[in-house]
Every structure is written in C-alpha cells, then in structure tokens.
C-alpha atoms as a PDB file:
ATOM      1  CA  MET A   1     -28.491  25.474  -8.374  1.00  0.00           C
ATOM      2  CA  LYS A   2     -28.173  22.410  -6.152  1.00  0.00           C
ATOM      3  CA  SER A   3     -31.113  21.245  -4.135  1.00  0.00           C
ATOM      4  CA  VAL A   4     -30.957  20.572  -0.425  1.00  0.00           C
ATOM      5  CA  ASN A   5     -31.589  16.900  -1.271  1.00  0.00           C
ATOM      6  CA  ASP A   6     -28.310  16.756  -3.216  1.00  0.00           C
ATOM      7  CA  VAL A   7     -25.943  15.166  -0.694  1.00  0.00           C
ATOM      8  CA  SER A   8     -22.844  16.743  -2.294  1.00  0.00           C
ATOM      9  CA  CYS A   9     -23.992  20.192  -1.197  1.00  0.00           C
ATOM     10  CA  CYS A  10     -23.740  19.081   2.422  1.00  0.00           C
ATOM     11  CA  LEU A  11     -20.261  17.547   2.356  1.00  0.00           C
ATOM     12  CA  SER A  12     -17.373  19.230   4.094  1.00  0.00           C
ATOM     13  CA  HIS A  13     -14.291  20.013   2.045  1.00  0.00           C
ATOM     14  CA  GLU A  14     -12.478  16.998   3.561  1.00  0.00           C
ATOM     15  CA  GLU A  15     -15.412  14.654   2.855  1.00  0.00           C
ATOM     16  CA  ALA A  16     -15.653  15.839  -0.748  1.00  0.00           C
ATOM     17  CA  LYS A  17     -11.892  15.392  -1.182  1.00  0.00           C
ATOM     18  CA  ALA A  18     -12.102  11.865   0.263  1.00  0.00           C
ATOM     19  CA  LYS A  19     -14.941  10.980  -2.112  1.00  0.00           C
ATOM     20  CA  ARG A  20     -12.924  12.233  -5.121  1.00  0.00           C
ATOM     21  CA  MET A  21      -9.897  10.170  -4.078  1.00  0.00           C
ATOM     22  CA  PHE A  22     -12.120   7.142  -3.491  1.00  0.00           C
ATOM     23  CA  SER A  23     -13.555   7.475  -7.013  1.00  0.00           C
ATOM     24  CA  MET A  24     -10.066   7.755  -8.487  1.00  0.00           C
ATOM     25  CA  MET A  25      -8.986   4.679  -6.542  1.00  0.00           C
ATOM     26  CA  GLN A  26     -11.874   2.679  -7.973  1.00  0.00           C
ATOM     27  CA  PHE A  27     -11.529   3.702 -11.614  1.00  0.00           C
ATOM     28  CA  SER A  28      -7.884   4.561 -12.238  1.00  0.00           C
ATOM     29  CA  PRO A  29      -5.465   1.696 -13.000  1.00  0.00           C
ATOM     30  CA  ARG A  30      -2.621   3.881 -11.684  1.00  0.00           C
ATOM     31  CA  HIS A  31      -4.207   3.839  -8.246  1.00  0.00           C
ATOM     32  CA  ARG A  32      -5.213   0.163  -8.028  1.00  0.00           C
ATOM     33  CA  CYS A  33      -4.112  -0.704  -4.508  1.00  0.00           C
ATOM     34  CA  ASP A  34      -5.448  -4.242  -4.426  1.00  0.00           C
ATOM     35  CA  PHE A  35      -3.729  -7.248  -2.837  1.00  0.00           C
ATOM     36  CA  GLY A  36      -0.207  -7.787  -4.117  1.00  0.00           C
ATOM     37  CA  SER A  37       0.233  -4.402  -5.796  1.00  0.00           C
ATOM     38  CA  LEU A  38       3.757  -2.961  -5.593  1.00  0.00           C
ATOM     39  CA  TRP A  39       4.512   0.651  -4.716  1.00  0.00           C
ATOM     40  CA  TRP A  40       7.216   3.141  -3.782  1.00  0.00           C
ATOM     41  CA  VAL A  41       6.289   4.835  -0.498  1.00  0.00           C
ATOM     42  CA  ASP A  42       7.881   8.114   0.599  1.00  0.00           C
ATOM     43  CA  GLU A  43      10.479   7.563   3.310  1.00  0.00           C
ATOM     44  CA  SER A  44       8.704  10.075   5.552  1.00  0.00           C
ATOM     45  CA  VAL A  45       5.701   7.715   5.775  1.00  0.00           C
ATOM     46  CA  TRP A  46       7.860   4.865   7.077  1.00  0.00           C
ATOM     47  CA  LYS A  47       9.648   7.211   9.504  1.00  0.00           C
ATOM     48  CA  GLU A  48       6.365   8.495  10.935  1.00  0.00           C
ATOM     49  CA  ASN A  49       4.549   5.161  11.129  1.00  0.00           C
ATOM     50  CA  VAL A  50       7.108   2.458  11.946  1.00  0.00           C
ATOM     51  CA  GLN A  51       8.348   2.293  15.509  1.00  0.00           C
ATOM     52  CA  GLY A  52      12.141   2.198  15.685  1.00  0.00           C
ATOM     53  CA  TYR A  53      12.583   3.175  12.032  1.00  0.00           C
ATOM     54  CA  ASP A  54      15.914   4.764  11.098  1.00  0.00           C
ATOM     55  CA  GLN A  55      15.116   8.461  11.452  1.00  0.00           C
ATOM     56  CA  GLN A  56      18.481   9.341   9.895  1.00  0.00           C
ATOM     57  CA  SER A  57      17.653   7.608   6.596  1.00  0.00           C
ATOM     58  CA  ASN A  58      18.045   9.973   3.655  1.00  0.00           C
ATOM     59  CA  ARG A  59      16.413   7.804   1.002  1.00  0.00           C
ATOM     60  CA  ASP A  60      13.509   9.209  -0.990  1.00  0.00           C
ATOM     61  CA  SER A  61      11.361   6.101  -0.735  1.00  0.00           C
ATOM     62  CA  HIS A  62      11.193   2.388   0.040  1.00  0.00           C
ATOM     63  CA  PRO A  63       9.102  -0.348  -1.585  1.00  0.00           C
ATOM     64  CA  GLY A  64       5.627  -1.066  -0.269  1.00  0.00           C
ATOM     65  CA  LEU A  65       3.335  -4.046  -0.887  1.00  0.00           C
ATOM     66  CA  SER A  66      -0.429  -3.695  -0.523  1.00  0.00           C
ATOM     67  CA  ILE A  67      -2.105  -6.478   1.416  1.00  0.00           C
ATOM     68  CA  LEU A  68      -5.611  -5.047   1.005  1.00  0.00           C
ATOM     69  CA  ARG A  69      -7.908  -8.097   0.921  1.00  0.00           C
ATOM     70  CA  GLU A  70     -11.146  -6.481  -0.181  1.00  0.00           C
ATOM     71  CA  VAL A  71     -12.036  -3.529  -2.344  1.00  0.00           C
ATOM     72  CA  LEU A  72     -12.346  -0.363  -0.304  1.00  0.00           C
ATOM     73  CA  ALA A  73     -16.024   0.127   0.503  1.00  0.00           C
ATOM     74  CA  THR A  74     -15.823   3.714   1.741  1.00  0.00           C
ATOM     75  CA  PRO A  75     -13.463   6.656   1.249  1.00  0.00           C
ATOM     76  CA  PHE A  76     -12.486   6.482   4.917  1.00  0.00           C
ATOM     77  CA  GLU A  77     -10.975   2.993   4.944  1.00  0.00           C
ATOM     78  CA  LYS A  78      -7.215   2.502   4.862  1.00  0.00           C
ATOM     79  CA  VAL A  79      -4.777   0.567   2.688  1.00  0.00           C
ATOM     80  CA  PRO A  80      -2.520  -1.856   4.628  1.00  0.00           C
ATOM     81  CA  MET A  81       1.026  -1.720   3.278  1.00  0.00           C
ATOM     82  CA  LEU A  82       4.052  -3.887   4.110  1.00  0.00           C
ATOM     83  CA  TYR A  83       7.496  -2.321   4.173  1.00  0.00           C
ATOM     84  CA  GLY A  84      10.094  -3.755   1.788  1.00  0.00           C
ATOM     85  CA  GLY A  85      13.835  -3.896   2.305  1.00  0.00           C
ATOM     86  CA  SER A  86      16.736  -5.352   0.372  1.00  0.00           C
ATOM     87  CA  LYS A  87      18.924  -6.697   3.186  1.00  0.00           C
ATOM     88  CA  LYS A  88      20.170 -10.223   2.550  1.00  0.00           C
ATOM     89  CA  GLY A  89      18.674 -12.922   4.725  1.00  0.00           C
ATOM     90  CA  GLY A  90      15.631 -10.853   5.588  1.00  0.00           C
ATOM     91  CA  GLN A  91      12.628 -12.683   6.949  1.00  0.00           C
ATOM     92  CA  GLY A  92       9.397 -12.419   5.046  1.00  0.00           C
ATOM     93  CA  VAL A  93       8.343 -12.789   1.430  1.00  0.00           C
ATOM     94  CA  ARG A  94      10.878 -12.185  -1.327  1.00  0.00           C
ATOM     95  CA  VAL A  95       9.496 -10.388  -4.390  1.00  0.00           C
ATOM     96  CA  LYS A  96      11.183  -9.263  -7.600  1.00  0.00           C
ATOM     97  CA  MET A  97      10.465  -5.575  -8.147  1.00  0.00           C
ATOM     98  CA  GLY A  98      10.789  -5.913 -11.920  1.00  0.00           C
ATOM     99  CA  SER A  99       9.600  -8.416 -14.492  1.00  0.00           C
ATOM    100  CA  SER A 100      13.022  -9.633 -15.623  1.00  0.00           C
ATOM    101  CA  GLU A 101      14.963 -12.452 -13.973  1.00  0.00           C
ATOM    102  CA  ALA A 102      17.787 -10.000 -13.177  1.00  0.00           C
ATOM    103  CA  SER A 103      15.454  -7.668 -11.256  1.00  0.00           C
ATOM    104  CA  ARG A 104      16.263  -6.649  -7.722  1.00  0.00           C
ATOM    105  CA  THR A 105      14.640  -8.778  -5.023  1.00  0.00           C
ATOM    106  CA  THR A 106      12.965  -7.099  -2.081  1.00  0.00           C
ATOM    107  CA  CYS A 107      11.941  -8.757   1.169  1.00  0.00           C
ATOM    108  CA  PHE A 108       8.528  -7.743   2.538  1.00  0.00           C
ATOM    109  CA  GLY A 109       7.772  -8.529   6.143  1.00  0.00           C
ATOM    110  CA  LYS A 110      10.998  -7.651   7.949  1.00  0.00           C
ATOM    111  CA  ILE A 111       8.767  -5.147   9.716  1.00  0.00           C
ATOM    112  CA  CYS A 112       5.810  -7.439  10.202  1.00  0.00           C
ATOM    113  CA  THR A 113       3.219  -4.866  11.211  1.00  0.00           C
ATOM    114  CA  PRO A 114       1.542  -3.259   8.202  1.00  0.00           C
ATOM    115  CA  VAL A 115       1.233   0.502   7.969  1.00  0.00           C
ATOM    116  CA  PHE A 116      -2.350   1.597   7.288  1.00  0.00           C
ATOM    117  CA  LEU A 117      -2.515   4.498   4.839  1.00  0.00           C
ATOM    118  CA  GLY A 118      -5.562   6.702   4.552  1.00  0.00           C
ATOM    119  CA  LEU A 119      -6.413   7.767   1.014  1.00  0.00           C
ATOM    120  CA  ASP A 120      -5.053  11.278   1.541  1.00  0.00           C
ATOM    121  CA  LEU A 121      -1.683   9.889   2.623  1.00  0.00           C
ATOM    122  CA  PHE A 122      -1.793   7.237  -0.104  1.00  0.00           C
ATOM    123  CA  PHE A 123      -2.302   9.814  -2.859  1.00  0.00           C
ATOM    124  CA  ALA A 124       0.280  12.216  -1.446  1.00  0.00           C
ATOM    125  CA  SER A 125       3.043   9.729  -0.610  1.00  0.00           C
ATOM    126  CA  VAL A 126       2.771   6.599  -2.766  1.00  0.00           C
ATOM    127  CA  ASN A 127       3.841   6.009  -6.377  1.00  0.00           C
ATOM    128  CA  PRO A 128       3.327   2.915  -8.522  1.00  0.00           C
ATOM    129  CA  ASN A 129       6.246   0.577  -9.134  1.00  0.00           C
ATOM    130  CA  LYS A 130       6.634   1.142 -12.878  1.00  0.00           C
ATOM    131  CA  LYS A 131       8.688  -1.988 -13.545  1.00  0.00           C
ATOM    132  CA  LYS A 132       6.080  -4.409 -12.170  1.00  0.00           C
ATOM    133  CA  SER A 133       2.649  -3.520 -10.813  1.00  0.00           C
ATOM    134  CA  HIS A 134       1.756  -6.747  -8.957  1.00  0.00           C
ATOM    135  CA  VAL A 135       3.350  -9.859  -7.515  1.00  0.00           C
ATOM    136  CA  ASN A 136       3.282 -12.895  -9.807  1.00  0.00           C
ATOM    137  CA  ASP A 137       1.336 -16.083  -9.012  1.00  0.00           C
ATOM    138  CA  GLU A 138       4.224 -17.776  -7.199  1.00  0.00           C
ATOM    139  CA  GLU A 139       4.950 -14.669  -5.112  1.00  0.00           C
ATOM    140  CA  ASN A 140       1.235 -14.314  -4.371  1.00  0.00           C
ATOM    141  CA  ASP A 141       1.076 -17.885  -3.030  1.00  0.00           C
ATOM    142  CA  ARG A 142       4.106 -17.266  -0.794  1.00  0.00           C
ATOM    143  CA  LEU A 143       2.611 -13.971   0.418  1.00  0.00           C
ATOM    144  CA  VAL A 144      -0.722 -15.577   1.330  1.00  0.00           C
ATOM    145  CA  ALA A 145       1.041 -18.415   3.188  1.00  0.00           C
ATOM    146  CA  TRP A 146       3.307 -15.969   5.045  1.00  0.00           C
ATOM    147  CA  LEU A 147       0.368 -13.756   6.081  1.00  0.00           C
ATOM    148  CA  GLU A 148      -1.517 -16.793   7.374  1.00  0.00           C
ATOM    149  CA  GLU A 149       1.581 -18.019   9.234  1.00  0.00           C
ATOM    150  CA  LYS A 150       1.960 -14.604  10.904  1.00  0.00           C
ATOM    151  CA  GLY A 151      -1.748 -14.417  11.727  1.00  0.00           C
ATOM    152  CA  LEU A 152      -2.209 -11.304   9.611  1.00  0.00           C
ATOM    153  CA  ALA A 153      -4.664 -12.693   7.072  1.00  0.00           C
ATOM    154  CA  CYS A 154      -7.673 -12.162   9.325  1.00  0.00           C
ATOM    155  CA  LYS A 155      -6.599  -8.700  10.556  1.00  0.00           C
ATOM    156  CA  ILE A 156      -6.276  -6.978   7.214  1.00  0.00           C
ATOM    157  CA  ASN A 157      -9.849  -6.092   6.368  1.00  0.00           C
END
C-alpha cells in the first residue's frame, strides 16, 4: 500500500501520464527530440497550429525539425518544431531528409514561427524520420545561423 508521503499517489491521471511521457522522452532514443532532430508530424497538427495553413491538404504528414535548445526540465514544457516543405526556392534552412547524397531536400523555415508541441501531442502525432535522425554538422551550423538571423535563438527555451 502506498503511503500518503508517496507523491505518485496524489497525481491526477493527466499528471501521471505526463510524467510517464517525460520519462520516455528522457530515456528512449526513439523519442529524443533534441535540437536538430528530424521528424514526420501529422498533417492535422500543422493544420490546427499554423495560421493560413492549407486546410484542404490531404497528406498524412510533413517533416518537422526540433529546435529545442535545452533538455526538457519538466513534463509540462513543449517541443518547438519547424515546419518543412519541399517547394523549390523556399526560404529557410535546407536539410537532406536521408543520409545519401540523392536524398530529398526539405526547406525548414518557410513558416518561420515554430509550433510548440506538448508531450501528449508529440507522442500522439510525431514519428521519427527513419532515414536520418538528426541534421549533420553543416546543416546544424546553417540552422543556428538562420535562427539567430531570425531572432528565434533566444525565444526557444
């Protein structure tokens, strides 16, 4: 039997769920959402969170790029994610979604404002990019410079 001093006995269902997701995020490589990690985000997330997004889009998902600067400290913090698109001439940071030279290039930053995903939404709507988990060193340098240029580097934490 749990004692009254055991904090877990006093958590609401939502708080307990958030703590479980937070633990998974910290210890599971599949859920590493650190800076520069590449993801596939359900289209419904972009539709609901990006002003002016094409509501008629019938795609399953679009690429996402985590710009989380620090490790999540609590289960209630959010993961900032940039939207990725493949249109030619897009403004932003170009990233190869796979590890080969022939991989498709995606432009992150066309929609400059990041979408902030709570852990519940992250776990329900985001899947790892299986071909390449993180940007490479060159892409990372370009991403950092672009974020600083846009004034986003200080707003991400």
